Amino acid sequence: YNPLVNDLVYNLNQKLDIEKMKEASKLFLGEHSFHNFCTNEEDFVRKIYSIDFNIENDYLIIDLCGNGFRRYMVRMIVATLIQVGLGKLLIDEIKKLLTIECHTRVSYKAPSCGLYLYNIVY
């Protein structure tokens, strides 16, 4: 915990299984209906090209690249990956959440501190 960057990063301060998070992140790659991972009422189909994990100075950085994101979508995906890393969510549950038949919106969002938009390509 560093109070100087408290508003700039998400201080989880719990051990994460990053390898499980990486495995789970592969499920989000490609084109899916993200209706359970955003708060919008329509237009859920998006394509995620990559989700990368890097550790810099004891901080875990998760980079998502896609063709567009809906409201809270990135925060909900990251929170889902964190739940997997904490051992509170199984990878099979993510598979179910990504199906059209499932209408169970995830109830957790990563906080906005630490969320940064750093590149847009048109």
N, C-alpha and C. Protein backbone atom coordinates (compact mmCIF):
# COMPACT_ATOMS: atom_id res chain seq x y z
N TYR A 1 0.84 -1.19 0.00
CA TYR A 1 0.00 0.00 0.00
C TYR A 1 0.88 1.23 0.00
N ASN A 2 0.63 2.12 -0.93
CA ASN A 2 1.37 3.37 -1.02
C ASN A 2 0.35 4.51 -1.03
N PRO A 3 0.26 5.30 0.04
CA PRO A 3 -0.75 6.35 0.11
C PRO A 3 -0.56 7.44 -0.94
N LEU A 4 0.62 7.57 -1.51
CA LEU A 4 0.86 8.60 -2.51
C LEU A 4 0.19 8.29 -3.86
N VAL A 5 -0.08 7.02 -4.10
CA VAL A 5 -0.73 6.65 -5.36
C VAL A 5 -2.10 6.01 -5.11
N ASN A 6 -2.64 6.16 -3.92
CA ASN A 6 -3.89 5.50 -3.55
C ASN A 6 -5.04 5.79 -4.52
N ASP A 7 -5.15 7.01 -5.01
CA ASP A 7 -6.23 7.36 -5.92
C ASP A 7 -5.91 7.00 -7.38
N LEU A 8 -4.71 6.51 -7.63
CA LEU A 8 -4.27 6.24 -9.00
C LEU A 8 -4.20 4.76 -9.34
N VAL A 9 -4.27 3.90 -8.32
CA VAL A 9 -4.20 2.46 -8.53
C VAL A 9 -5.25 1.77 -7.67
N TYR A 10 -5.54 0.54 -8.01
CA TYR A 10 -6.45 -0.28 -7.20
C TYR A 10 -5.59 -1.07 -6.23
N ASN A 11 -5.68 -0.75 -4.95
CA ASN A 11 -4.91 -1.43 -3.91
C ASN A 11 -5.71 -2.62 -3.41
N LEU A 12 -5.48 -3.76 -3.99
CA LEU A 12 -6.19 -4.97 -3.58
C LEU A 12 -5.52 -5.62 -2.37
N ASN A 13 -4.19 -5.67 -2.39
CA ASN A 13 -3.41 -6.21 -1.27
C ASN A 13 -3.81 -7.63 -0.89
N GLN A 14 -4.08 -8.46 -1.88
CA GLN A 14 -4.33 -9.88 -1.68
C GLN A 14 -3.56 -10.65 -2.75
N LYS A 15 -3.18 -11.86 -2.42
CA LYS A 15 -2.42 -12.67 -3.36
C LYS A 15 -3.34 -13.17 -4.46
N LEU A 16 -2.90 -12.99 -5.70
CA LEU A 16 -3.67 -13.42 -6.86
C LEU A 16 -2.94 -14.56 -7.57
N ASP A 17 -3.71 -15.49 -8.10
CA ASP A 17 -3.16 -16.53 -8.96
C ASP A 17 -3.20 -15.99 -10.38
N ILE A 18 -2.11 -15.35 -10.78
CA ILE A 18 -2.06 -14.67 -12.07
C ILE A 18 -2.15 -15.67 -13.23
N GLU A 19 -1.61 -16.85 -13.05
CA GLU A 19 -1.68 -17.86 -14.11
C GLU A 19 -3.13 -18.25 -14.38
N LYS A 20 -3.93 -18.40 -13.35
CA LYS A 20 -5.36 -18.69 -13.54
C LYS A 20 -6.07 -17.52 -14.21
N MET A 21 -5.67 -16.30 -13.85
CA MET A 21 -6.26 -15.11 -14.46
C MET A 21 -5.94 -15.07 -15.95
N LYS A 22 -4.71 -15.42 -16.31
CA LYS A 22 -4.31 -15.45 -17.72
C LYS A 22 -5.12 -16.49 -18.48
N GLU A 23 -5.30 -17.65 -17.86
CA GLU A 23 -6.08 -18.72 -18.49
C GLU A 23 -7.52 -18.26 -18.70
N ALA A 24 -8.11 -17.64 -17.68
CA ALA A 24 -9.49 -17.16 -17.78
C ALA A 24 -9.63 -16.04 -18.80
N SER A 25 -8.61 -15.20 -18.94
CA SER A 25 -8.69 -14.07 -19.87
C SER A 25 -8.83 -14.53 -21.31
N LYS A 26 -8.35 -15.71 -21.62
CA LYS A 26 -8.45 -16.23 -22.99
C LYS A 26 -9.90 -16.43 -23.42
N LEU A 27 -10.78 -16.65 -22.45
CA LEU A 27 -12.20 -16.83 -22.77
C LEU A 27 -12.83 -15.56 -23.34
N PHE A 28 -12.29 -14.41 -22.98
CA PHE A 28 -12.85 -13.14 -23.43
C PHE A 28 -12.38 -12.75 -24.84
N LEU A 29 -11.33 -13.41 -25.31
CA LEU A 29 -10.78 -13.05 -26.62
C LEU A 29 -11.74 -13.42 -27.73
N GLY A 30 -11.76 -12.59 -28.76
CA GLY A 30 -12.65 -12.82 -29.88
C GLY A 30 -13.92 -12.01 -29.74
N GLU A 31 -14.87 -12.30 -30.62
CA GLU A 31 -16.13 -11.56 -30.63
C GLU A 31 -17.17 -12.30 -29.79
N HIS A 32 -17.76 -11.57 -28.86
CA HIS A 32 -18.77 -12.13 -27.96
C HIS A 32 -19.86 -11.09 -27.70
N SER A 33 -20.97 -11.57 -27.21
CA SER A 33 -21.98 -10.68 -26.65
C SER A 33 -21.60 -10.49 -25.18
N PHE A 34 -21.27 -9.27 -24.81
CA PHE A 34 -20.85 -8.98 -23.44
C PHE A 34 -22.02 -8.43 -22.62
N HIS A 35 -23.23 -8.94 -22.88
CA HIS A 35 -24.43 -8.45 -22.19
C HIS A 35 -24.36 -8.61 -20.68
N ASN A 36 -23.59 -9.57 -20.19
CA ASN A 36 -23.47 -9.76 -18.74
C ASN A 36 -22.30 -8.98 -18.14
N PHE A 37 -21.58 -8.24 -18.98
CA PHE A 37 -20.39 -7.51 -18.55
C PHE A 37 -20.48 -6.01 -18.83
N CYS A 38 -21.68 -5.48 -18.93
CA CYS A 38 -21.85 -4.03 -19.09
C CYS A 38 -23.26 -3.66 -18.62
N THR A 39 -23.51 -2.37 -18.50
CA THR A 39 -24.80 -1.93 -18.00
C THR A 39 -25.72 -1.40 -19.10
N ASN A 40 -25.26 -1.42 -20.33
CA ASN A 40 -26.09 -0.96 -21.44
C ASN A 40 -27.21 -1.96 -21.71
N GLU A 41 -28.24 -1.49 -22.36
CA GLU A 41 -29.39 -2.34 -22.65
C GLU A 41 -29.39 -2.89 -24.07
N GLU A 42 -28.42 -2.51 -24.89
CA GLU A 42 -28.37 -3.00 -26.26
C GLU A 42 -26.96 -2.87 -26.81
N ASP A 43 -26.73 -3.47 -27.97
CA ASP A 43 -25.45 -3.37 -28.68
C ASP A 43 -24.29 -3.89 -27.84
N PHE A 44 -24.35 -5.18 -27.49
CA PHE A 44 -23.37 -5.77 -26.59
C PHE A 44 -22.19 -6.43 -27.29
N VAL A 45 -22.31 -6.67 -28.58
CA VAL A 45 -21.28 -7.44 -29.28
C VAL A 45 -20.04 -6.59 -29.50
N ARG A 46 -18.94 -7.10 -28.98
CA ARG A 46 -17.64 -6.44 -29.10
C ARG A 46 -16.59 -7.51 -29.35
N LYS A 47 -15.45 -7.09 -29.84
CA LYS A 47 -14.34 -8.01 -30.10
C LYS A 47 -13.14 -7.58 -29.28
N ILE A 48 -12.62 -8.51 -28.49
CA ILE A 48 -11.40 -8.24 -27.73
C ILE A 48 -10.25 -8.94 -28.42
N TYR A 49 -9.25 -8.15 -28.77
CA TYR A 49 -8.09 -8.67 -29.49
C TYR A 49 -7.05 -9.27 -28.56
N SER A 50 -6.85 -8.63 -27.42
CA SER A 50 -5.82 -9.14 -26.50
C SER A 50 -6.09 -8.66 -25.08
N ILE A 51 -5.64 -9.48 -24.14
CA ILE A 51 -5.60 -9.11 -22.72
C ILE A 51 -4.21 -9.52 -22.24
N ASP A 52 -3.40 -8.55 -21.87
CA ASP A 52 -2.03 -8.80 -21.46
C ASP A 52 -1.83 -8.48 -19.99
N PHE A 53 -0.98 -9.24 -19.35
CA PHE A 53 -0.66 -9.06 -17.94
C PHE A 53 0.83 -8.74 -17.82
N ASN A 54 1.14 -7.68 -17.12
CA ASN A 54 2.53 -7.29 -16.87
C ASN A 54 2.68 -6.90 -15.41
N ILE A 55 3.82 -7.20 -14.84
CA ILE A 55 4.12 -6.76 -13.48
C ILE A 55 5.25 -5.74 -13.56
N GLU A 56 4.96 -4.55 -13.05
CA GLU A 56 5.94 -3.47 -13.02
C GLU A 56 5.97 -2.87 -11.62
N ASN A 57 7.12 -2.91 -10.98
CA ASN A 57 7.29 -2.33 -9.64
C ASN A 57 6.23 -2.83 -8.66
N ASP A 58 6.00 -4.12 -8.64
CA ASP A 58 5.02 -4.77 -7.75
C ASP A 58 3.57 -4.43 -8.07
N TYR A 59 3.31 -3.85 -9.22
CA TYR A 59 1.94 -3.57 -9.66
C TYR A 59 1.59 -4.50 -10.81
N LEU A 60 0.41 -5.08 -10.76
CA LEU A 60 -0.09 -5.88 -11.86
C LEU A 60 -0.82 -4.95 -12.81
N ILE A 61 -0.41 -4.95 -14.06
CA ILE A 61 -1.04 -4.12 -15.09
C ILE A 61 -1.75 -5.06 -16.07
N ILE A 62 -3.03 -4.82 -16.25
CA ILE A 62 -3.83 -5.62 -17.17
C ILE A 62 -4.24 -4.71 -18.33
N ASP A 63 -3.77 -5.03 -19.53
CA ASP A 63 -4.07 -4.25 -20.73
C ASP A 63 -5.10 -4.98 -21.58
N LEU A 64 -6.19 -4.29 -21.90
CA LEU A 64 -7.20 -4.85 -22.79
C LEU A 64 -7.21 -4.06 -24.08
N CYS A 65 -7.27 -4.77 -25.19
CA CYS A 65 -7.34 -4.13 -26.50
C CYS A 65 -8.54 -4.72 -27.23
N GLY A 66 -9.41 -3.85 -27.72
CA GLY A 66 -10.60 -4.32 -28.42
C GLY A 66 -11.13 -3.30 -29.39
N ASN A 67 -12.19 -3.64 -30.08
CA ASN A 67 -12.76 -2.73 -31.07
C ASN A 67 -13.78 -1.77 -30.46
N GLY A 68 -13.95 -1.81 -29.16
CA GLY A 68 -14.85 -0.91 -28.46
C GLY A 68 -15.28 -1.53 -27.15
N PHE A 69 -15.65 -0.69 -26.21
CA PHE A 69 -16.05 -1.17 -24.90
C PHE A 69 -17.32 -0.45 -24.47
N ARG A 70 -18.22 -1.17 -23.84
CA ARG A 70 -19.46 -0.61 -23.33
C ARG A 70 -19.24 -0.10 -21.91
N ARG A 71 -20.23 0.58 -21.38
CA ARG A 71 -20.13 1.16 -20.04
C ARG A 71 -19.82 0.07 -19.00
N TYR A 72 -18.80 0.28 -18.22
CA TYR A 72 -18.32 -0.60 -17.15
C TYR A 72 -17.77 -1.94 -17.63
N MET A 73 -17.71 -2.15 -18.92
CA MET A 73 -17.29 -3.45 -19.44
C MET A 73 -15.88 -3.83 -18.99
N VAL A 74 -14.93 -2.92 -19.12
CA VAL A 74 -13.55 -3.23 -18.72
C VAL A 74 -13.48 -3.48 -17.22
N ARG A 75 -14.16 -2.66 -16.45
CA ARG A 75 -14.14 -2.83 -14.99
C ARG A 75 -14.76 -4.17 -14.57
N MET A 76 -15.81 -4.59 -15.26
CA MET A 76 -16.44 -5.87 -14.93
C MET A 76 -15.58 -7.05 -15.37
N ILE A 77 -14.93 -6.94 -16.51
CA ILE A 77 -14.03 -8.01 -16.95
C ILE A 77 -12.85 -8.14 -15.99
N VAL A 78 -12.24 -7.02 -15.64
CA VAL A 78 -11.10 -7.05 -14.72
C VAL A 78 -11.53 -7.60 -13.36
N ALA A 79 -12.68 -7.18 -12.85
CA ALA A 79 -13.16 -7.69 -11.57
C ALA A 79 -13.41 -9.20 -11.64
N THR A 80 -13.91 -9.67 -12.78
CA THR A 80 -14.13 -11.10 -12.97
C THR A 80 -12.80 -11.84 -12.92
N LEU A 81 -11.79 -11.30 -13.60
CA LEU A 81 -10.47 -11.93 -13.57
C LEU A 81 -9.88 -11.91 -12.16
N ILE A 82 -10.11 -10.85 -11.43
CA ILE A 82 -9.64 -10.78 -10.04
C ILE A 82 -10.32 -11.85 -9.20
N GLN A 83 -11.63 -12.05 -9.39
CA GLN A 83 -12.35 -13.09 -8.65
C GLN A 83 -11.76 -14.47 -8.94
N VAL A 84 -11.37 -14.70 -10.20
CA VAL A 84 -10.71 -15.96 -10.56
C VAL A 84 -9.37 -16.05 -9.84
N GLY A 85 -8.61 -14.96 -9.86
CA GLY A 85 -7.30 -14.94 -9.22
C GLY A 85 -7.35 -15.13 -7.72
N LEU A 86 -8.46 -14.76 -7.10
CA LEU A 86 -8.65 -14.95 -5.66
C LEU A 86 -9.22 -16.33 -5.33
N GLY A 87 -9.59 -17.09 -6.37
CA GLY A 87 -10.16 -18.41 -6.15
C GLY A 87 -11.63 -18.38 -5.82
N LYS A 88 -12.30 -17.27 -6.08
CA LYS A 88 -13.72 -17.14 -5.75
C LYS A 88 -14.65 -17.41 -6.93
N LEU A 89 -14.07 -17.56 -8.13
CA LEU A 89 -14.88 -17.78 -9.33
C LEU A 89 -14.16 -18.81 -10.20
N LEU A 90 -14.91 -19.77 -10.69
CA LEU A 90 -14.35 -20.81 -11.55
C LEU A 90 -14.38 -20.37 -13.01
N ILE A 91 -13.43 -20.85 -13.77
CA ILE A 91 -13.35 -20.50 -15.18
C ILE A 91 -14.60 -20.95 -15.92
N ASP A 92 -15.17 -22.09 -15.54
CA ASP A 92 -16.40 -22.56 -16.18
C ASP A 92 -17.56 -21.59 -16.01
N GLU A 93 -17.55 -20.84 -14.91
CA GLU A 93 -18.60 -19.86 -14.68
C GLU A 93 -18.49 -18.70 -15.69
N ILE A 94 -17.28 -18.35 -16.08
CA ILE A 94 -17.09 -17.31 -17.09
C ILE A 94 -17.62 -17.79 -18.43
N LYS A 95 -17.36 -19.04 -18.76
CA LYS A 95 -17.89 -19.60 -20.01
C LYS A 95 -19.40 -19.44 -20.07
N LYS A 96 -20.05 -19.73 -18.96
CA LYS A 96 -21.52 -19.61 -18.89
C LYS A 96 -21.95 -18.15 -19.05
N LEU A 97 -21.24 -17.23 -18.39
CA LEU A 97 -21.60 -15.80 -18.47
C LEU A 97 -21.47 -15.24 -19.88
N LEU A 98 -20.62 -15.86 -20.70
CA LEU A 98 -20.42 -15.38 -22.07
C LEU A 98 -21.40 -15.99 -23.07
N THR A 99 -22.29 -16.85 -22.61
CA THR A 99 -23.28 -17.43 -23.52
C THR A 99 -24.49 -16.51 -23.64
N ILE A 100 -25.12 -16.56 -24.79
CA ILE A 100 -26.32 -15.76 -25.05
C ILE A 100 -27.45 -16.17 -24.11
N GLU A 101 -27.50 -17.45 -23.76
CA GLU A 101 -28.60 -17.96 -22.94
C GLU A 101 -28.56 -17.46 -21.51
N CYS A 102 -27.38 -17.13 -21.02
CA CYS A 102 -27.24 -16.70 -19.62
C CYS A 102 -27.56 -15.21 -19.50
N HIS A 103 -28.42 -14.88 -18.56
CA HIS A 103 -28.78 -13.48 -18.32
C HIS A 103 -28.51 -13.12 -16.87
N THR A 104 -27.29 -13.37 -16.43
CA THR A 104 -26.87 -13.06 -15.08
C THR A 104 -25.73 -12.05 -15.15
N ARG A 105 -26.07 -10.80 -15.04
CA ARG A 105 -25.05 -9.75 -15.12
C ARG A 105 -24.11 -9.86 -13.91
N VAL A 106 -22.80 -9.74 -14.16
CA VAL A 106 -21.87 -9.82 -13.04
C VAL A 106 -22.14 -8.67 -12.08
N SER A 107 -21.99 -8.96 -10.81
CA SER A 107 -22.36 -7.98 -9.79
C SER A 107 -21.16 -7.24 -9.22
N TYR A 108 -19.99 -7.44 -9.79
CA TYR A 108 -18.81 -6.79 -9.26
C TYR A 108 -18.11 -5.99 -10.35
N LYS A 109 -17.53 -4.89 -9.94
CA LYS A 109 -16.77 -4.01 -10.85
C LYS A 109 -15.49 -3.64 -10.12
N ALA A 110 -14.40 -3.61 -10.87
CA ALA A 110 -13.17 -3.07 -10.30
C ALA A 110 -13.37 -1.57 -10.14
N PRO A 111 -12.77 -0.97 -9.14
CA PRO A 111 -12.94 0.48 -8.97
C PRO A 111 -12.29 1.24 -10.12
N SER A 112 -12.74 2.46 -10.32
CA SER A 112 -12.22 3.25 -11.44
C SER A 112 -10.80 3.74 -11.23
N CYS A 113 -10.34 3.81 -9.97
CA CYS A 113 -8.96 4.22 -9.76
C CYS A 113 -8.06 3.14 -10.36
N GLY A 114 -7.12 3.55 -11.15
CA GLY A 114 -6.25 2.60 -11.82
C GLY A 114 -6.70 2.26 -13.22
N LEU A 115 -7.84 2.77 -13.65
CA LEU A 115 -8.34 2.53 -15.00
C LEU A 115 -7.90 3.69 -15.89
N TYR A 116 -7.20 3.37 -16.96
CA TYR A 116 -6.69 4.40 -17.85
C TYR A 116 -6.92 4.05 -19.29
N LEU A 117 -7.39 5.01 -20.05
CA LEU A 117 -7.49 4.90 -21.50
C LEU A 117 -6.20 5.47 -22.06
N TYR A 118 -5.43 4.68 -22.76
CA TYR A 118 -4.14 5.21 -23.19
C TYR A 118 -3.94 5.20 -24.70
N ASN A 119 -4.86 4.66 -25.49
CA ASN A 119 -4.67 4.72 -26.93
C ASN A 119 -6.00 4.47 -27.63
N ILE A 120 -6.25 5.26 -28.66
CA ILE A 120 -7.42 5.06 -29.51
C ILE A 120 -6.92 5.08 -30.95
N VAL A 121 -7.35 4.10 -31.74
CA VAL A 121 -6.99 4.02 -33.15
C VAL A 121 -8.26 4.10 -33.96
N TYR A 122 -8.28 4.99 -34.93
CA TYR A 122 -9.44 5.10 -35.82
C TYR A 122 -9.11 4.56 -37.19
